[in-house]
Amino acid sequence: MQATTTPTDPVPPKSYNFSREDMKNTKIFNNQPASPLYLVVTDIKSDKRTDIFDARGNRLLARIDRRDILPDTITFPDRNRGSSINLNKWLQKSKLENGHHIHSIETTPGTYVWKSDADYRLALYRKGDMSNPRTQNFARRLIRDDVIVSFLILEQRLRISERNINVGGGKFEQNRTVLGHHVNTS
């Protein structure tokens, strides 16, 4: 008699759903639409400040201040003694050897990298392992919060870039790139 083993299926990734298509004003749910995990609120008049709350504890996670001339800033009340930092220092943009742009965030357990992906649109990788997107459950709240905040920023940028491609023509129509990746607009 020969023993056989069946591979165990990995835990399926958690699915996060948005109440609206607007990344600056939405609620984020996790398979339970009755109770949101996160609440994203932007001042409608100025469109300059976005607050991201942990909806379960009504706790401010991050505040993004968009500025006209100076760089945008992000503030985490529980970090850096509540001081704001340059958004581009927290969500750092760089380029891979193949020319693709990536954005990285530093977290307690290490650096994670966002990269455009054909299957996932935006895929999260652990720095040093760009072969498999991170689809695991982010059990540690600090990592999950950083992932959600950085995703909201990058997704909003993608949507603005796509809207500019569709509306703007000109340079965008010639290059057809979003965050450094070729986009099919036809």
N, C-alpha and C. Protein backbone atom coordinates (compact mmCIF):
# COMPACT_ATOMS: atom_id res chain seq x y z
N MET A 1 0.84 -1.17 0.00
CA MET A 1 0.00 0.00 0.00
C MET A 1 0.89 1.24 0.00
N GLN A 2 0.57 2.14 -0.85
CA GLN A 2 1.38 3.33 -0.99
C GLN A 2 0.62 4.52 -0.39
N ALA A 3 1.33 5.29 0.44
CA ALA A 3 0.71 6.46 1.07
C ALA A 3 0.72 7.63 0.09
N THR A 4 -0.35 8.36 0.07
CA THR A 4 -0.41 9.55 -0.77
C THR A 4 -0.76 10.74 0.11
N THR A 5 -0.27 11.86 -0.30
CA THR A 5 -0.60 13.09 0.42
C THR A 5 -1.29 14.03 -0.53
N THR A 6 -2.21 14.72 -0.01
CA THR A 6 -2.89 15.72 -0.83
C THR A 6 -2.44 17.09 -0.35
N PRO A 7 -2.06 17.94 -1.28
CA PRO A 7 -1.61 19.27 -0.85
C PRO A 7 -2.76 20.02 -0.19
N THR A 8 -2.42 20.73 0.83
CA THR A 8 -3.45 21.53 1.51
C THR A 8 -3.63 22.84 0.76
N ASP A 9 -4.85 23.22 0.62
CA ASP A 9 -5.14 24.49 -0.05
C ASP A 9 -4.76 25.63 0.88
N PRO A 10 -4.07 26.65 0.34
CA PRO A 10 -3.76 27.79 1.19
C PRO A 10 -5.04 28.54 1.55
N VAL A 11 -4.96 29.27 2.62
CA VAL A 11 -6.11 30.07 3.05
C VAL A 11 -6.40 31.09 1.95
N PRO A 12 -7.64 31.15 1.48
CA PRO A 12 -7.94 32.12 0.42
C PRO A 12 -7.75 33.55 0.94
N PRO A 13 -7.33 34.45 0.05
CA PRO A 13 -7.11 35.83 0.50
C PRO A 13 -8.43 36.49 0.89
N LYS A 14 -8.30 37.44 1.80
CA LYS A 14 -9.49 38.19 2.18
C LYS A 14 -9.84 39.14 1.05
N SER A 15 -11.12 39.34 0.89
CA SER A 15 -11.61 40.25 -0.12
C SER A 15 -12.08 41.52 0.56
N TYR A 16 -11.61 42.66 0.08
CA TYR A 16 -12.05 43.94 0.60
C TYR A 16 -12.93 44.60 -0.45
N ASN A 17 -14.08 45.06 -0.04
CA ASN A 17 -15.04 45.67 -0.95
C ASN A 17 -15.25 47.13 -0.57
N PHE A 18 -15.48 47.95 -1.57
CA PHE A 18 -15.68 49.38 -1.37
C PHE A 18 -17.14 49.72 -1.59
N SER A 19 -17.67 50.63 -0.76
CA SER A 19 -19.07 51.02 -0.89
C SER A 19 -19.28 51.93 -2.09
N ARG A 20 -18.23 52.63 -2.50
CA ARG A 20 -18.31 53.55 -3.63
C ARG A 20 -17.06 53.39 -4.48
N GLU A 21 -17.13 53.87 -5.70
CA GLU A 21 -15.98 53.82 -6.60
C GLU A 21 -15.00 54.96 -6.34
N ASP A 22 -15.31 55.83 -5.42
CA ASP A 22 -14.49 56.99 -5.10
C ASP A 22 -13.53 56.61 -3.97
N MET A 23 -12.23 56.54 -4.27
CA MET A 23 -11.25 56.13 -3.27
C MET A 23 -11.04 57.17 -2.18
N LYS A 24 -11.59 58.36 -2.36
CA LYS A 24 -11.43 59.41 -1.35
C LYS A 24 -12.65 59.55 -0.45
N ASN A 25 -13.73 58.89 -0.76
CA ASN A 25 -14.94 58.90 0.07
C ASN A 25 -15.62 57.54 -0.08
N THR A 26 -15.31 56.64 0.82
CA THR A 26 -15.85 55.29 0.72
C THR A 26 -15.80 54.59 2.07
N LYS A 27 -16.46 53.46 2.13
CA LYS A 27 -16.35 52.54 3.27
C LYS A 27 -15.76 51.26 2.73
N ILE A 28 -14.91 50.62 3.51
CA ILE A 28 -14.26 49.38 3.09
C ILE A 28 -14.77 48.25 3.98
N PHE A 29 -15.26 47.20 3.32
CA PHE A 29 -15.84 46.06 4.01
C PHE A 29 -15.01 44.82 3.74
N ASN A 30 -15.15 43.83 4.62
CA ASN A 30 -14.49 42.54 4.45
C ASN A 30 -15.54 41.45 4.57
N ASN A 31 -16.19 41.13 3.46
CA ASN A 31 -17.16 40.05 3.39
C ASN A 31 -18.38 40.23 4.30
N GLN A 32 -18.45 41.27 5.06
CA GLN A 32 -19.60 41.52 5.93
C GLN A 32 -20.08 42.95 5.71
N PRO A 33 -20.95 43.16 4.74
CA PRO A 33 -21.35 44.52 4.38
C PRO A 33 -22.03 45.30 5.50
N ALA A 34 -22.44 44.63 6.55
CA ALA A 34 -23.14 45.35 7.63
C ALA A 34 -22.18 46.15 8.50
N SER A 35 -20.93 45.73 8.57
CA SER A 35 -19.99 46.43 9.45
C SER A 35 -18.71 46.78 8.71
N PRO A 36 -18.51 48.05 8.37
CA PRO A 36 -17.30 48.45 7.65
C PRO A 36 -16.06 48.33 8.54
N LEU A 37 -14.93 48.02 7.89
CA LEU A 37 -13.65 47.98 8.58
C LEU A 37 -12.99 49.34 8.59
N TYR A 38 -13.11 50.04 7.47
CA TYR A 38 -12.46 51.34 7.31
C TYR A 38 -13.46 52.35 6.74
N LEU A 39 -13.22 53.60 7.07
CA LEU A 39 -14.02 54.70 6.56
C LEU A 39 -13.06 55.74 6.00
N VAL A 40 -13.27 56.16 4.76
CA VAL A 40 -12.42 57.13 4.09
C VAL A 40 -13.25 58.37 3.82
N VAL A 41 -12.81 59.51 4.36
CA VAL A 41 -13.57 60.75 4.25
C VAL A 41 -12.65 61.87 3.77
N THR A 42 -13.09 62.57 2.73
CA THR A 42 -12.34 63.72 2.21
C THR A 42 -13.21 64.96 2.30
N ASP A 43 -12.60 66.06 2.72
CA ASP A 43 -13.29 67.33 2.79
C ASP A 43 -13.76 67.71 1.39
N ILE A 44 -15.06 67.78 1.20
CA ILE A 44 -15.64 67.99 -0.13
C ILE A 44 -15.29 69.37 -0.69
N LYS A 45 -15.30 70.39 0.15
CA LYS A 45 -15.06 71.75 -0.35
C LYS A 45 -13.65 71.94 -0.86
N SER A 46 -12.66 71.57 -0.08
CA SER A 46 -11.28 71.82 -0.48
C SER A 46 -10.64 70.67 -1.25
N ASP A 47 -11.10 69.44 -1.00
CA ASP A 47 -10.52 68.23 -1.60
C ASP A 47 -9.03 68.11 -1.27
N LYS A 48 -8.62 68.67 -0.14
CA LYS A 48 -7.21 68.71 0.23
C LYS A 48 -6.86 67.75 1.35
N ARG A 49 -7.83 67.32 2.14
CA ARG A 49 -7.54 66.47 3.30
C ARG A 49 -8.41 65.23 3.26
N THR A 50 -7.75 64.07 3.38
CA THR A 50 -8.45 62.79 3.45
C THR A 50 -8.09 62.12 4.76
N ASP A 51 -9.10 61.71 5.51
CA ASP A 51 -8.91 60.98 6.75
C ASP A 51 -9.33 59.54 6.54
N ILE A 52 -8.51 58.62 7.03
CA ILE A 52 -8.80 57.19 6.95
C ILE A 52 -8.95 56.69 8.38
N PHE A 53 -10.15 56.17 8.68
CA PHE A 53 -10.47 55.72 10.04
C PHE A 53 -10.59 54.21 10.11
N ASP A 54 -10.22 53.66 11.25
CA ASP A 54 -10.58 52.29 11.60
C ASP A 54 -12.02 52.39 12.07
N ALA A 55 -12.95 51.90 11.29
CA ALA A 55 -14.38 52.10 11.57
C ALA A 55 -14.85 51.34 12.80
N ARG A 56 -14.16 50.26 13.16
CA ARG A 56 -14.59 49.48 14.32
C ARG A 56 -14.34 50.23 15.62
N GLY A 57 -13.24 50.97 15.69
CA GLY A 57 -12.93 51.71 16.91
C GLY A 57 -13.05 53.21 16.73
N ASN A 58 -13.51 53.65 15.55
CA ASN A 58 -13.60 55.07 15.22
C ASN A 58 -12.28 55.78 15.55
N ARG A 59 -11.17 55.16 15.12
CA ARG A 59 -9.83 55.66 15.39
C ARG A 59 -9.20 56.15 14.09
N LEU A 60 -8.64 57.35 14.11
CA LEU A 60 -7.96 57.88 12.94
C LEU A 60 -6.67 57.10 12.70
N LEU A 61 -6.55 56.50 11.52
CA LEU A 61 -5.34 55.76 11.16
C LEU A 61 -4.33 56.65 10.46
N ALA A 62 -4.83 57.45 9.52
CA ALA A 62 -3.94 58.28 8.73
C ALA A 62 -4.70 59.49 8.19
N ARG A 63 -3.95 60.56 8.01
CA ARG A 63 -4.50 61.78 7.40
C ARG A 63 -3.56 62.16 6.25
N ILE A 64 -4.15 62.34 5.08
CA ILE A 64 -3.39 62.73 3.90
C ILE A 64 -3.75 64.17 3.58
N ASP A 65 -2.73 65.01 3.52
CA ASP A 65 -2.93 66.42 3.16
C ASP A 65 -2.31 66.64 1.79
N ARG A 66 -3.17 67.00 0.81
CA ARG A 66 -2.71 67.30 -0.54
C ARG A 66 -2.46 68.79 -0.63
N ARG A 67 -1.25 69.12 -1.08
CA ARG A 67 -0.87 70.53 -1.15
C ARG A 67 -0.53 70.91 -2.58
N ASP A 68 -0.76 72.18 -2.90
CA ASP A 68 -0.58 72.63 -4.28
C ASP A 68 0.89 72.75 -4.68
N ILE A 69 1.70 73.37 -3.84
CA ILE A 69 3.09 73.63 -4.20
C ILE A 69 4.05 72.68 -3.48
N LEU A 70 3.91 72.56 -2.20
CA LEU A 70 4.77 71.67 -1.42
C LEU A 70 4.32 70.23 -1.59
N PRO A 71 5.19 69.28 -1.23
CA PRO A 71 4.80 67.86 -1.36
C PRO A 71 3.64 67.50 -0.45
N ASP A 72 2.82 66.54 -0.89
CA ASP A 72 1.74 66.02 -0.06
C ASP A 72 2.33 65.38 1.18
N THR A 73 1.57 65.39 2.27
CA THR A 73 2.04 64.80 3.52
C THR A 73 1.06 63.75 4.01
N ILE A 74 1.57 62.88 4.88
CA ILE A 74 0.73 61.89 5.53
C ILE A 74 1.07 61.92 7.02
N THR A 75 0.04 61.79 7.83
CA THR A 75 0.20 61.80 9.28
C THR A 75 -0.42 60.54 9.85
N PHE A 76 0.36 59.84 10.65
CA PHE A 76 -0.12 58.69 11.41
C PHE A 76 -0.12 59.11 12.88
N PRO A 77 -1.28 59.28 13.51
CA PRO A 77 -1.33 59.75 14.89
C PRO A 77 -0.53 58.89 15.86
N ASP A 78 -0.40 57.59 15.57
CA ASP A 78 0.30 56.68 16.47
C ASP A 78 1.78 56.53 16.16
N ARG A 79 2.30 57.28 15.19
CA ARG A 79 3.71 57.18 14.80
C ARG A 79 4.36 58.55 14.75
N ASN A 80 5.65 58.58 14.88
CA ASN A 80 6.42 59.84 14.76
C ASN A 80 5.86 60.95 15.63
N ARG A 81 5.33 60.56 16.78
CA ARG A 81 4.71 61.51 17.72
C ARG A 81 3.63 62.35 17.03
N GLY A 82 2.96 61.77 16.05
CA GLY A 82 1.87 62.44 15.35
C GLY A 82 2.32 63.47 14.34
N SER A 83 3.62 63.52 14.04
CA SER A 83 4.14 64.49 13.07
C SER A 83 3.88 64.01 11.64
N SER A 84 3.62 64.95 10.76
CA SER A 84 3.40 64.59 9.36
C SER A 84 4.75 64.37 8.68
N ILE A 85 4.73 63.51 7.66
CA ILE A 85 5.92 63.26 6.86
C ILE A 85 5.55 63.39 5.39
N ASN A 86 6.55 63.61 4.58
CA ASN A 86 6.36 63.70 3.14
C ASN A 86 5.78 62.37 2.65
N LEU A 87 4.68 62.42 1.94
CA LEU A 87 4.02 61.20 1.46
C LEU A 87 4.98 60.36 0.62
N ASN A 88 5.82 61.00 -0.18
CA ASN A 88 6.75 60.27 -1.04
C ASN A 88 7.89 59.63 -0.27
N LYS A 89 8.10 60.03 0.97
CA LYS A 89 9.11 59.35 1.80
C LYS A 89 8.51 58.10 2.43
N TRP A 90 7.21 58.11 2.69
CA TRP A 90 6.56 56.94 3.25
C TRP A 90 6.25 55.92 2.16
N LEU A 91 5.72 56.38 1.04
CA LEU A 91 5.36 55.54 -0.10
C LEU A 91 6.36 55.86 -1.22
N GLN A 92 7.50 55.17 -1.18
CA GLN A 92 8.63 55.52 -2.03
C GLN A 92 8.53 54.89 -3.42
N LYS A 93 8.70 55.75 -4.42
CA LYS A 93 8.65 55.29 -5.80
C LYS A 93 10.08 55.01 -6.27
N SER A 94 10.24 53.90 -6.97
CA SER A 94 11.54 53.57 -7.55
C SER A 94 11.29 52.79 -8.84
N LYS A 95 12.38 52.42 -9.49
CA LYS A 95 12.27 51.73 -10.78
C LYS A 95 13.08 50.44 -10.71
N LEU A 96 12.48 49.37 -11.22
CA LEU A 96 13.17 48.09 -11.30
C LEU A 96 14.15 48.11 -12.48
N GLU A 97 15.02 47.11 -12.54
CA GLU A 97 15.98 47.03 -13.64
C GLU A 97 15.30 46.95 -15.00
N ASN A 98 14.12 46.35 -15.05
CA ASN A 98 13.40 46.22 -16.32
C ASN A 98 12.62 47.49 -16.69
N GLY A 99 12.72 48.53 -15.87
CA GLY A 99 12.07 49.80 -16.16
C GLY A 99 10.70 49.98 -15.53
N HIS A 100 10.14 48.94 -14.93
CA HIS A 100 8.83 49.05 -14.28
C HIS A 100 8.95 49.85 -12.98
N HIS A 101 7.96 50.69 -12.74
CA HIS A 101 7.92 51.49 -11.52
C HIS A 101 7.27 50.68 -10.40
N ILE A 102 7.78 50.86 -9.21
CA ILE A 102 7.21 50.22 -8.03
C ILE A 102 7.10 51.27 -6.93
N HIS A 103 6.29 50.98 -5.92
CA HIS A 103 6.16 51.83 -4.74
C HIS A 103 6.34 50.94 -3.51
N SER A 104 7.18 51.36 -2.59
CA SER A 104 7.44 50.52 -1.43
C SER A 104 7.05 51.23 -0.14
N ILE A 105 6.66 50.41 0.85
CA ILE A 105 6.35 50.91 2.19
C ILE A 105 7.13 50.09 3.20
N GLU A 106 7.63 50.77 4.22
CA GLU A 106 8.32 50.11 5.31
C GLU A 106 7.30 49.76 6.38
N THR A 107 7.31 48.50 6.83
CA THR A 107 6.44 48.07 7.91
C THR A 107 7.31 47.43 8.99
N THR A 108 6.73 47.16 10.12
CA THR A 108 7.48 46.55 11.21
C THR A 108 8.16 45.24 10.79
N PRO A 109 7.46 44.32 10.09
CA PRO A 109 8.13 43.07 9.71
C PRO A 109 8.98 43.16 8.44
N GLY A 110 9.00 44.31 7.78
CA GLY A 110 9.83 44.43 6.58
C GLY A 110 9.21 45.33 5.54
N THR A 111 9.85 45.37 4.39
CA THR A 111 9.43 46.24 3.30
C THR A 111 8.52 45.47 2.34
N TYR A 112 7.43 46.12 1.95
CA TYR A 112 6.51 45.57 0.96
C TYR A 112 6.48 46.49 -0.25
N VAL A 113 6.26 45.90 -1.42
CA VAL A 113 6.36 46.62 -2.68
C VAL A 113 5.06 46.45 -3.47
N TRP A 114 4.50 47.57 -3.94
CA TRP A 114 3.35 47.56 -4.85
C TRP A 114 3.86 47.65 -6.28
N LYS A 115 3.30 46.82 -7.14
CA LYS A 115 3.69 46.83 -8.54
C LYS A 115 2.43 46.61 -9.38
N SER A 116 2.36 47.29 -10.52
CA SER A 116 1.23 47.04 -11.43
C SER A 116 1.28 45.60 -11.89
N ASP A 117 0.09 45.01 -12.04
CA ASP A 117 0.01 43.59 -12.36
C ASP A 117 -1.20 43.35 -13.26
N ALA A 118 -1.02 42.53 -14.27
CA ALA A 118 -2.11 42.25 -15.22
C ALA A 118 -3.27 41.54 -14.56
N ASP A 119 -3.00 40.65 -13.61
CA ASP A 119 -4.07 39.89 -12.96
C ASP A 119 -4.75 40.67 -11.84
N TYR A 120 -3.96 41.40 -11.05
CA TYR A 120 -4.48 42.04 -9.85
C TYR A 120 -4.61 43.56 -9.94
N ARG A 121 -4.19 44.14 -11.04
CA ARG A 121 -4.14 45.60 -11.21
C ARG A 121 -3.00 46.18 -10.40
N LEU A 122 -3.06 46.07 -9.09
CA LEU A 122 -1.94 46.40 -8.20
C LEU A 122 -1.67 45.16 -7.36
N ALA A 123 -0.43 44.72 -7.34
CA ALA A 123 -0.08 43.53 -6.56
C ALA A 123 0.96 43.91 -5.53
N LEU A 124 0.84 43.31 -4.36
CA LEU A 124 1.75 43.58 -3.25
C LEU A 124 2.73 42.42 -3.12
N TYR A 125 4.00 42.76 -3.05
CA TYR A 125 5.06 41.76 -2.92
C TYR A 125 5.91 42.09 -1.70
N ARG A 126 6.51 41.08 -1.13
CA ARG A 126 7.51 41.31 -0.10
C ARG A 126 8.81 41.63 -0.82
N LYS A 127 9.51 42.67 -0.36
CA LYS A 127 10.75 43.07 -1.02
C LYS A 127 11.71 41.88 -1.04
N GLY A 128 12.31 41.64 -2.19
CA GLY A 128 13.21 40.52 -2.35
C GLY A 128 12.52 39.28 -2.91
N ASP A 129 11.19 39.26 -2.95
CA ASP A 129 10.44 38.13 -3.50
C ASP A 129 9.36 38.67 -4.44
N MET A 130 9.80 39.06 -5.62
CA MET A 130 8.87 39.65 -6.59
C MET A 130 8.23 38.58 -7.47
N SER A 131 8.38 37.30 -7.09
CA SER A 131 7.81 36.23 -7.91
C SER A 131 6.35 35.95 -7.57
N ASN A 132 5.95 36.12 -6.33
CA ASN A 132 4.58 35.82 -5.92
C ASN A 132 3.94 37.01 -5.22
N PRO A 133 2.82 37.49 -5.75
CA PRO A 133 2.12 38.57 -5.03
C PRO A 133 1.65 38.07 -3.67
N ARG A 134 1.59 38.95 -2.73
CA ARG A 134 1.14 38.61 -1.38
C ARG A 134 -0.36 38.61 -1.37
N THR A 135 -0.94 37.43 -1.38
CA THR A 135 -2.39 37.32 -1.31
C THR A 135 -2.82 36.75 0.03
N GLN A 136 -1.85 36.67 0.94
CA GLN A 136 -2.17 36.09 2.25
C GLN A 136 -2.99 37.07 3.07
N ASN A 137 -3.52 36.57 4.14
CA ASN A 137 -4.23 37.43 5.08
C ASN A 137 -3.22 38.21 5.89
N PHE A 138 -3.42 39.48 5.98
CA PHE A 138 -2.55 40.31 6.77
C PHE A 138 -3.12 40.37 8.18
N ALA A 139 -2.73 39.39 8.98
CA ALA A 139 -3.31 39.25 10.31
C ALA A 139 -2.92 40.40 11.22
N ARG A 140 -1.70 40.86 11.08
CA ARG A 140 -1.26 41.93 11.95
C ARG A 140 -1.87 43.24 11.49
N ARG A 141 -2.57 43.89 12.36
CA ARG A 141 -3.33 45.08 12.00
C ARG A 141 -2.45 46.18 11.43
N LEU A 142 -1.24 46.35 11.98
CA LEU A 142 -0.37 47.42 11.50
C LEU A 142 -0.03 47.22 10.03
N ILE A 143 0.24 46.00 9.62
CA ILE A 143 0.54 45.73 8.21
C ILE A 143 -0.71 45.96 7.37
N ARG A 144 -1.84 45.44 7.83
CA ARG A 144 -3.08 45.60 7.08
C ARG A 144 -3.43 47.08 6.92
N ASP A 145 -3.27 47.86 7.98
CA ASP A 145 -3.57 49.29 7.89
C ASP A 145 -2.66 49.98 6.87
N ASP A 146 -1.36 49.67 6.89
CA ASP A 146 -0.44 50.26 5.93
C ASP A 146 -0.79 49.84 4.51
N VAL A 147 -1.17 48.59 4.34
CA VAL A 147 -1.53 48.09 3.01
C VAL A 147 -2.78 48.82 2.51
N ILE A 148 -3.79 48.97 3.35
CA ILE A 148 -5.03 49.65 2.94
C ILE A 148 -4.75 51.11 2.59
N VAL A 149 -4.01 51.81 3.44
CA VAL A 149 -3.72 53.23 3.20
C VAL A 149 -2.92 53.41 1.91
N SER A 150 -1.88 52.60 1.73
CA SER A 150 -1.06 52.74 0.52
C SER A 150 -1.86 52.35 -0.73
N PHE A 151 -2.71 51.32 -0.62
CA PHE A 151 -3.54 50.94 -1.76
C PHE A 151 -4.46 52.08 -2.16
N LEU A 152 -5.11 52.71 -1.19
CA LEU A 152 -6.03 53.81 -1.50
C LEU A 152 -5.32 54.92 -2.26
N ILE A 153 -4.11 55.25 -1.84
CA ILE A 153 -3.34 56.31 -2.50
C ILE A 153 -3.00 55.92 -3.93
N LEU A 154 -2.47 54.72 -4.11
CA LEU A 154 -2.06 54.29 -5.44
C LEU A 154 -3.24 54.07 -6.38
N GLU A 155 -4.32 53.50 -5.86
CA GLU A 155 -5.51 53.30 -6.69
C GLU A 155 -6.10 54.64 -7.14
N GLN A 156 -6.10 55.63 -6.25
CA GLN A 156 -6.59 56.95 -6.63
C GLN A 156 -5.71 57.55 -7.73
N ARG A 157 -4.40 57.39 -7.61
CA ARG A 157 -3.48 57.88 -8.64
C ARG A 157 -3.73 57.17 -9.97
N LEU A 158 -3.93 55.86 -9.93
CA LEU A 158 -4.22 55.12 -11.15
C LEU A 158 -5.48 55.64 -11.83
N ARG A 159 -6.51 55.85 -11.04
CA ARG A 159 -7.78 56.32 -11.61
C ARG A 159 -7.66 57.71 -12.21
N ILE A 160 -6.90 58.57 -11.58
CA ILE A 160 -6.68 59.92 -12.13
C ILE A 160 -5.89 59.81 -13.43
N SER A 161 -4.85 58.98 -13.45
CA SER A 161 -4.05 58.80 -14.67
C SER A 161 -4.88 58.24 -15.80
N GLU A 162 -5.72 57.26 -15.51
CA GLU A 162 -6.58 56.67 -16.53
C GLU A 162 -7.57 57.69 -17.07
N ARG A 163 -8.12 58.50 -16.18
CA ARG A 163 -9.05 59.54 -16.62
C ARG A 163 -8.34 60.54 -17.51
N ASN A 164 -7.09 60.90 -17.16
CA ASN A 164 -6.31 61.82 -17.99
C ASN A 164 -5.99 61.23 -19.35
N ILE A 165 -5.74 59.93 -19.41
CA ILE A 165 -5.48 59.28 -20.69
C ILE A 165 -6.72 59.35 -21.57
N ASN A 166 -7.87 59.04 -20.99
CA ASN A 166 -9.11 59.02 -21.76
C ASN A 166 -9.54 60.41 -22.19
N VAL A 167 -9.25 61.40 -21.37
CA VAL A 167 -9.73 62.76 -21.66
C VAL A 167 -8.65 63.61 -22.30
N GLY A 168 -7.42 63.48 -21.83
CA GLY A 168 -6.36 64.42 -22.18
C GLY A 168 -5.77 64.30 -23.55
N GLY A 169 -5.61 63.08 -24.06
CA GLY A 169 -4.92 62.92 -25.33
C GLY A 169 -3.49 63.38 -25.20
N GLY A 170 -2.94 63.99 -26.25
CA GLY A 170 -1.60 64.56 -26.20
C GLY A 170 -0.55 63.57 -25.75
N LYS A 171 0.25 63.98 -24.77
CA LYS A 171 1.35 63.17 -24.27
C LYS A 171 0.86 61.82 -23.76
N PHE A 172 -0.26 61.80 -23.04
CA PHE A 172 -0.77 60.55 -22.50
C PHE A 172 -1.17 59.61 -23.64
N GLU A 173 -1.77 60.16 -24.68
CA GLU A 173 -2.21 59.33 -25.80
C GLU A 173 -1.01 58.75 -26.54
N GLN A 174 0.11 59.50 -26.59
CA GLN A 174 1.30 59.00 -27.26
C GLN A 174 1.96 57.89 -26.46
N ASN A 175 2.13 58.10 -25.16
CA ASN A 175 2.86 57.15 -24.32
C ASN A 175 1.99 56.02 -23.80
N ARG A 176 0.74 56.34 -23.50
CA ARG A 176 -0.21 55.37 -22.97
C ARG A 176 0.36 54.57 -21.80
N THR A 177 0.88 55.28 -20.82
CA THR A 177 1.41 54.62 -19.64
C THR A 177 0.71 55.16 -18.39
N VAL A 178 0.54 54.27 -17.42
CA VAL A 178 0.01 54.63 -16.11
C VAL A 178 0.98 54.08 -15.09
N LEU A 179 1.50 54.93 -14.24
CA LEU A 179 2.48 54.54 -13.24
C LEU A 179 3.64 53.77 -13.90
N GLY A 180 4.00 54.18 -15.11
CA GLY A 180 5.15 53.59 -15.79
C GLY A 180 4.85 52.32 -16.56
N HIS A 181 3.59 51.92 -16.72
CA HIS A 181 3.24 50.69 -17.42
C HIS A 181 2.36 51.01 -18.62
N HIS A 182 2.56 50.28 -19.71
CA HIS A 182 1.77 50.47 -20.92
C HIS A 182 0.31 50.13 -20.66
N VAL A 183 -0.57 50.99 -21.19
CA VAL A 183 -2.01 50.78 -21.00
C VAL A 183 -2.67 50.72 -22.36
N ASN A 184 -3.53 49.75 -22.55
CA ASN A 184 -4.28 49.64 -23.79
C ASN A 184 -5.54 50.48 -23.66
N THR A 185 -5.62 51.57 -24.44
CA THR A 185 -6.78 52.46 -24.34
C THR A 185 -7.77 52.26 -25.47
N SER A 186 -7.55 51.29 -26.33
CA SER A 186 -8.49 51.09 -27.43
C SER A 186 -9.53 50.06 -27.10
